[in-house]
């Protein structure tokens, strides 16, 4: 093999290495670490509705994969049959419980409304939940939370944002999952603090800010 052929072979091999891992769809687990403890717990019942996904990106994915030249060749997605809206709704329910509240979801939510019990309804809009990479891997997330009464009157709003950036070593699935987990845990801890704060608690107590 002459010098020119050796160089071309090296370039081809580099392209395969830099581009191969970025092709296709990689499915990841969306999980969070244990939440920070809230010592001053509140009390009350919250009706939690499934969040809405209003992201501007293609909503069947939660991130891009790029090759070593920055070109998008693939995507990141949740596991098969796992909806981002369901997952995040459940995790923000964890934040509410950490703050001390009883959380009602699903069929029980409709039952509670039918019985005429005084509850505050919490809803969420996911406007950001995206992973990207180029020499590093980073994840951004943002959710707008709203508390309203059964008539639809809004008493409380809060936007929760978080981001995390890590060094990208080999582009392994575990690297994607780690940065998502860290970003998500950061957001959920922020949400717990907001749910345990007086403005949200007063919403449950009196229906006013």
Protein backbone atom coordinates (compact mmCIF):
# COMPACT_ATOMS: atom_id res chain seq x y z
CA UNK A 1 0.00 0.00 0.00
CA UNK A 2 1.50 3.35 -1.05
CA UNK A 3 1.36 6.50 1.04
CA UNK A 4 -1.64 7.98 -0.80
CA UNK A 5 -3.67 4.79 -0.45
CA UNK A 6 -2.78 4.62 3.23
CA UNK A 7 -4.02 8.19 3.79
CA UNK A 8 -7.28 7.50 1.93
CA UNK A 9 -7.80 4.34 3.93
CA UNK A 10 -7.22 6.30 7.14
CA UNK A 11 -9.73 8.97 6.14
CA UNK A 12 -12.31 6.32 5.24
CA UNK A 13 -11.80 4.55 8.55
CA UNK A 14 -12.13 7.85 10.44
CA UNK A 15 -15.39 8.63 8.65
CA UNK A 16 -16.79 5.24 9.61
CA UNK A 17 -15.79 5.72 13.21
CA UNK A 18 -17.14 9.26 13.41
CA UNK A 19 -20.32 8.59 11.50
CA UNK A 20 -21.30 5.03 12.23
CA UNK A 21 -22.44 5.50 15.82
CA UNK A 22 -24.59 8.46 14.84
CA UNK A 23 -26.76 6.67 12.30
CA UNK A 24 -30.29 5.45 13.04
CA UNK A 25 -32.43 5.86 16.15
CA UNK A 26 -31.15 5.14 19.64
CA UNK A 27 -33.82 4.47 22.25
CA UNK A 28 -33.05 5.49 25.82
CA UNK A 29 -34.54 5.22 29.28
CA UNK A 30 -35.82 8.53 30.64
CA UNK A 31 -35.26 8.32 34.40
CA UNK A 32 -34.36 10.53 37.33
CA UNK A 33 -32.17 10.14 40.40
CA UNK A 34 -33.65 10.25 43.93
CA UNK A 35 -35.05 13.71 44.57
CA UNK A 36 -33.68 16.07 47.18
CA UNK A 37 -35.62 15.84 50.43
CA UNK A 38 -38.13 18.52 51.34
CA UNK A 39 -38.13 18.83 55.13
CA UNK A 40 -41.07 21.23 55.56
CA UNK A 41 -43.82 19.15 53.95
CA UNK A 42 -47.13 20.67 52.92
CA UNK A 43 -50.53 18.97 52.90
CA UNK A 44 -53.33 18.91 50.37
CA UNK A 45 -54.75 17.09 47.37
CA UNK A 46 -53.74 17.87 43.80
CA UNK A 47 -55.37 16.62 40.63
CA UNK A 48 -52.62 16.12 38.03
CA UNK A 49 -53.52 15.97 34.35
CA UNK A 50 -51.28 14.45 31.69
CA UNK A 51 -48.85 17.01 30.34
CA UNK A 52 -48.98 18.32 26.77
CA UNK A 53 -46.03 18.18 24.38
CA UNK A 54 -45.75 21.52 22.58
CA UNK A 55 -42.10 21.25 21.51
CA UNK A 56 -41.12 22.77 18.18
CA UNK A 57 -38.95 19.76 17.28
CA UNK A 58 -40.17 16.48 15.78
CA UNK A 59 -42.07 15.11 18.78
CA UNK A 60 -41.40 11.47 18.00
CA UNK A 61 -37.79 12.12 19.08
CA UNK A 62 -36.07 13.66 22.09
CA UNK A 63 -32.70 14.44 20.52
CA UNK A 64 -30.21 14.43 17.64
CA UNK A 65 -27.14 12.32 17.00
CA UNK A 66 -24.31 13.84 14.99
CA UNK A 67 -21.16 12.52 13.43
CA UNK A 68 -17.71 13.96 14.06
CA UNK A 69 -18.36 16.71 11.50
CA UNK A 70 -21.54 17.95 13.21
CA UNK A 71 -23.97 16.48 10.66
CA UNK A 72 -27.25 15.07 12.03
CA UNK A 73 -27.37 11.42 11.01
CA UNK A 74 -29.73 9.98 13.58
CA UNK A 75 -32.04 10.65 16.50
CA UNK A 76 -32.63 9.86 20.15
CA UNK A 77 -36.05 8.51 21.18
CA UNK A 78 -37.74 7.10 24.26
CA UNK A 79 -38.11 3.35 24.64
CA UNK A 80 -40.74 1.58 22.53
CA UNK A 81 -44.31 2.40 23.57
CA UNK A 82 -43.12 4.97 26.13
CA UNK A 83 -44.71 8.42 25.78
CA UNK A 84 -42.72 11.41 26.95
CA UNK A 85 -45.89 13.10 28.22
CA UNK A 86 -46.80 10.14 30.43
CA UNK A 87 -43.26 9.79 31.76
CA UNK A 88 -42.86 13.45 32.70
CA UNK A 89 -46.34 13.65 34.21
CA UNK A 90 -45.45 10.75 36.48
CA UNK A 91 -42.12 12.27 37.44
CA UNK A 92 -43.64 15.65 38.31
CA UNK A 93 -46.12 13.71 40.42
CA UNK A 94 -43.03 12.53 42.32
CA UNK A 95 -42.12 16.18 42.90
CA UNK A 96 -45.58 16.94 44.26
CA UNK A 97 -45.40 13.95 46.60
CA UNK A 98 -41.95 14.98 47.78
CA UNK A 99 -43.46 18.35 48.71
CA UNK A 100 -46.07 16.49 50.80
CA UNK A 101 -49.18 16.43 48.61
CA UNK A 102 -51.55 13.63 47.71
CA UNK A 103 -51.65 13.31 43.92
CA UNK A 104 -54.67 12.06 41.99
CA UNK A 105 -54.26 10.96 38.37
CA UNK A 106 -56.12 9.08 35.65
CA UNK A 107 -59.61 7.70 36.31
CA UNK A 108 -59.45 8.76 39.95
CA UNK A 109 -59.10 12.37 38.77
CA UNK A 110 -62.46 12.29 36.97
CA UNK A 111 -64.02 10.56 39.96
CA UNK A 112 -62.84 13.29 42.30
CA UNK A 113 -64.27 16.03 40.11
CA UNK A 114 -67.59 14.19 39.84
CA UNK A 115 -67.84 13.99 43.62
CA UNK A 116 -67.43 17.74 43.85
CA UNK A 117 -64.37 17.67 46.11
CA UNK A 118 -62.39 20.94 46.22
CA UNK A 119 -59.18 20.29 44.35
CA UNK A 120 -56.58 22.25 42.47
CA UNK A 121 -55.73 20.98 38.99
CA UNK A 122 -52.08 21.02 37.92
CA UNK A 123 -51.23 20.90 34.23
CA UNK A 124 -47.95 21.10 32.36
CA UNK A 125 -46.74 22.04 28.89
CA UNK A 126 -43.43 20.55 27.77
CA UNK A 127 -41.83 23.19 25.58
CA UNK A 128 -38.28 21.85 25.71
CA UNK A 129 -36.87 18.36 26.13
CA UNK A 130 -33.99 17.83 23.75
CA UNK A 131 -30.57 16.21 23.67
CA UNK A 132 -27.83 17.19 21.22
CA UNK A 133 -24.17 16.41 20.86
CA UNK A 134 -21.00 17.51 19.18
CA UNK A 135 -17.79 16.64 21.04
CA UNK A 136 -19.98 16.96 24.19
CA UNK A 137 -23.50 15.88 25.01
CA UNK A 138 -26.04 18.30 26.47
CA UNK A 139 -29.69 18.22 27.42
CA UNK A 140 -32.19 21.03 27.87
CA UNK A 141 -35.66 20.78 29.31
CA UNK A 142 -38.44 23.21 30.10
CA UNK A 143 -41.98 22.77 31.43
CA UNK A 144 -44.61 25.42 32.11
CA UNK A 145 -46.69 24.43 35.15
CA UNK A 146 -50.17 25.82 35.79
CA UNK A 147 -52.53 25.44 38.75
CA UNK A 148 -56.22 26.16 38.19
CA UNK A 149 -59.60 25.42 39.71
CA UNK A 150 -62.14 23.05 38.08
CA UNK A 151 -63.72 26.04 36.31
CA UNK A 152 -60.42 26.72 34.54
CA UNK A 153 -59.39 29.86 36.41
CA UNK A 154 -55.57 30.01 36.67
CA UNK A 155 -54.24 30.84 40.14
CA UNK A 156 -50.54 29.95 39.80
CA UNK A 157 -47.95 29.55 37.03
CA UNK A 158 -44.29 28.62 37.10
CA UNK A 159 -41.74 27.78 34.42
CA UNK A 160 -39.20 25.09 35.30
CA UNK A 161 -35.99 24.91 33.26
CA UNK A 162 -32.88 22.77 33.55
CA UNK A 163 -29.84 21.85 31.49
CA UNK A 164 -26.83 19.60 31.78
CA UNK A 165 -23.69 19.19 29.69
CA UNK A 166 -21.17 16.34 29.89
CA UNK A 167 -18.05 15.31 28.03
CA UNK A 168 -18.84 12.88 25.21
CA UNK A 169 -16.49 9.92 25.29
CA UNK A 170 -17.72 7.27 22.85
CA UNK A 171 -21.34 8.17 22.11
CA UNK A 172 -22.72 5.24 24.13
CA UNK A 173 -26.37 5.06 25.10
CA UNK A 174 -25.40 5.31 28.77
CA UNK A 175 -23.88 8.75 28.10
CA UNK A 176 -27.17 10.00 26.66
CA UNK A 177 -29.16 8.54 29.54
CA UNK A 178 -26.84 10.03 32.15
CA UNK A 179 -27.12 13.60 30.90
CA UNK A 180 -30.92 13.31 30.57
CA UNK A 181 -31.15 11.89 34.08
CA UNK A 182 -29.07 14.70 35.56
CA UNK A 183 -31.01 17.43 33.74
CA UNK A 184 -34.37 15.90 34.64
CA UNK A 185 -33.45 15.46 38.31
CA UNK A 186 -32.38 19.10 38.44
CA UNK A 187 -35.77 20.17 37.05
CA UNK A 188 -37.75 17.94 39.42
CA UNK A 189 -35.86 19.26 42.45
CA UNK A 190 -36.73 22.80 41.37
CA UNK A 191 -40.36 21.79 40.97
CA UNK A 192 -40.47 20.23 44.46
CA UNK A 193 -39.22 23.48 45.96
CA UNK A 194 -41.85 25.49 44.09
CA UNK A 195 -44.64 23.11 45.14
CA UNK A 196 -43.50 23.37 48.77
CA UNK A 197 -43.31 27.17 48.63
CA UNK A 198 -46.05 29.39 50.08
CA UNK A 199 -47.46 30.76 46.78
CA UNK A 200 -48.42 27.28 45.55
CA UNK A 201 -49.62 26.15 48.99
CA UNK A 202 -51.84 29.22 49.36
CA UNK A 203 -53.37 28.30 45.99
CA UNK A 204 -54.55 25.03 47.49
CA UNK A 205 -55.72 26.64 50.69
CA UNK A 206 -57.68 29.58 49.35
CA UNK A 207 -57.78 29.35 45.55
CA UNK A 208 -55.88 32.63 45.34
CA UNK A 209 -52.24 33.60 44.99
